[in-house]
Each structure stands twice: as C-alpha cells, then as structure tokens.
Amino acid sequence: MKIIKCYNCDLILKAKTKQEMLNQLYLHYMSEHEKVILGADTTKKKLWMEKFNKDWSEAPKAE
C-alpha cells in the first residue's frame, strides 16, 4: 500500500494499486476541488498525470 498527499490540500490517501489511487483522487477532486478538474485543458491533464505517475513510483509505503 502506498501513500500520496492531495496536490491541492492536506488529505493523505492510501491505495494498493495505481488505479485504486486514481479512483480515490478523482472522487476527492470532484467533491473538493471540482474546478481544478473541470478547468483543466488536455495539456494540464497530461502534466498532472505525468506528475502523478512519477509520484506514484516514488511514493512511500504505508505502515
């Protein structure tokens, strides 16, 4: 299980797989940071995914 902090607040999320983490982040963003998702163009979304993929690969494991 890995840990990632939301890029827009202090929420800490834990997940076993990258897809599980993306699902949690999506639900969180749609409820708490909807404008971030809805206001992002294709370039911003691509950059976000690149950052997420890097962060996921380097994320610490949950204890």
Protein backbone atom coordinates (compact mmCIF):
# COMPACT_ATOMS: atom_id res chain seq x y z
CA MET A 1 0.00 0.00 0.00
CA LYS A 2 1.35 3.45 -0.93
CA ILE A 3 0.65 6.95 0.37
CA ILE A 4 0.06 10.10 -1.70
CA LYS A 5 -0.97 13.56 -0.50
CA CYS A 6 -3.54 15.51 -2.49
CA TYR A 7 -1.83 18.19 -4.57
CA ASN A 8 -4.41 20.80 -3.54
CA CYS A 9 -4.94 20.14 0.19
CA ASP A 10 -3.58 18.12 3.09
CA LEU A 11 -5.61 14.94 2.54
CA ILE A 12 -3.50 11.79 2.67
CA LEU A 13 -4.68 8.85 0.55
CA LYS A 14 -3.59 5.20 0.71
CA ALA A 15 -4.02 2.60 -2.01
CA LYS A 16 -2.64 -0.76 -3.10
CA THR A 17 -2.70 -0.04 -6.83
CA LYS A 18 -2.21 2.97 -9.04
CA GLN A 19 -5.75 2.63 -10.42
CA GLU A 20 -7.22 2.49 -6.91
CA MET A 21 -5.33 5.68 -6.04
CA LEU A 22 -6.54 7.42 -9.20
CA ASN A 23 -10.12 6.44 -8.37
CA GLN A 24 -9.79 7.87 -4.85
CA LEU A 25 -8.19 11.05 -6.15
CA TYR A 26 -10.90 11.51 -8.77
CA LEU A 27 -13.69 11.18 -6.20
CA HIS A 28 -11.87 13.55 -3.85
CA TYR A 29 -11.19 16.13 -6.57
CA MET A 30 -14.78 16.05 -7.81
CA SER A 31 -16.09 16.67 -4.29
CA GLU A 32 -13.44 19.10 -3.01
CA HIS A 33 -11.57 20.56 -5.99
CA GLU A 34 -14.04 20.29 -8.87
CA LYS A 35 -12.81 23.49 -10.55
CA VAL A 36 -9.31 22.01 -10.82
CA ILE A 37 -10.58 19.10 -12.90
CA LEU A 38 -13.25 20.89 -14.88
CA GLY A 39 -10.96 23.85 -15.59
CA ALA A 40 -8.03 21.78 -16.87
CA ASP A 41 -7.30 21.53 -20.56
CA THR A 42 -5.70 18.48 -22.18
CA THR A 43 -2.17 19.79 -21.59
CA LYS A 44 -2.78 20.38 -17.87
CA LYS A 45 -4.34 16.93 -17.51
CA LYS A 46 -1.34 15.34 -19.24
CA LEU A 47 1.08 17.21 -16.96
CA TRP A 48 -0.93 16.18 -13.90
CA MET A 49 -0.78 12.51 -14.95
CA GLU A 50 2.97 12.72 -15.57
CA LYS A 51 3.46 14.15 -12.07
CA PHE A 52 1.15 11.55 -10.55
CA ASN A 53 2.95 8.66 -12.30
CA LYS A 54 6.30 9.91 -11.03
CA ASP A 55 4.95 10.44 -7.52
CA TRP A 56 3.27 7.01 -7.50
CA SER A 57 6.51 5.28 -8.45
CA GLU A 58 8.35 7.13 -5.65
CA ALA A 59 5.53 7.08 -3.06
CA PRO A 60 6.36 5.78 0.40
CA LYS A 61 4.71 2.60 1.58
CA ALA A 62 2.02 2.87 4.24
CA GLU A 63 2.88 1.36 7.59
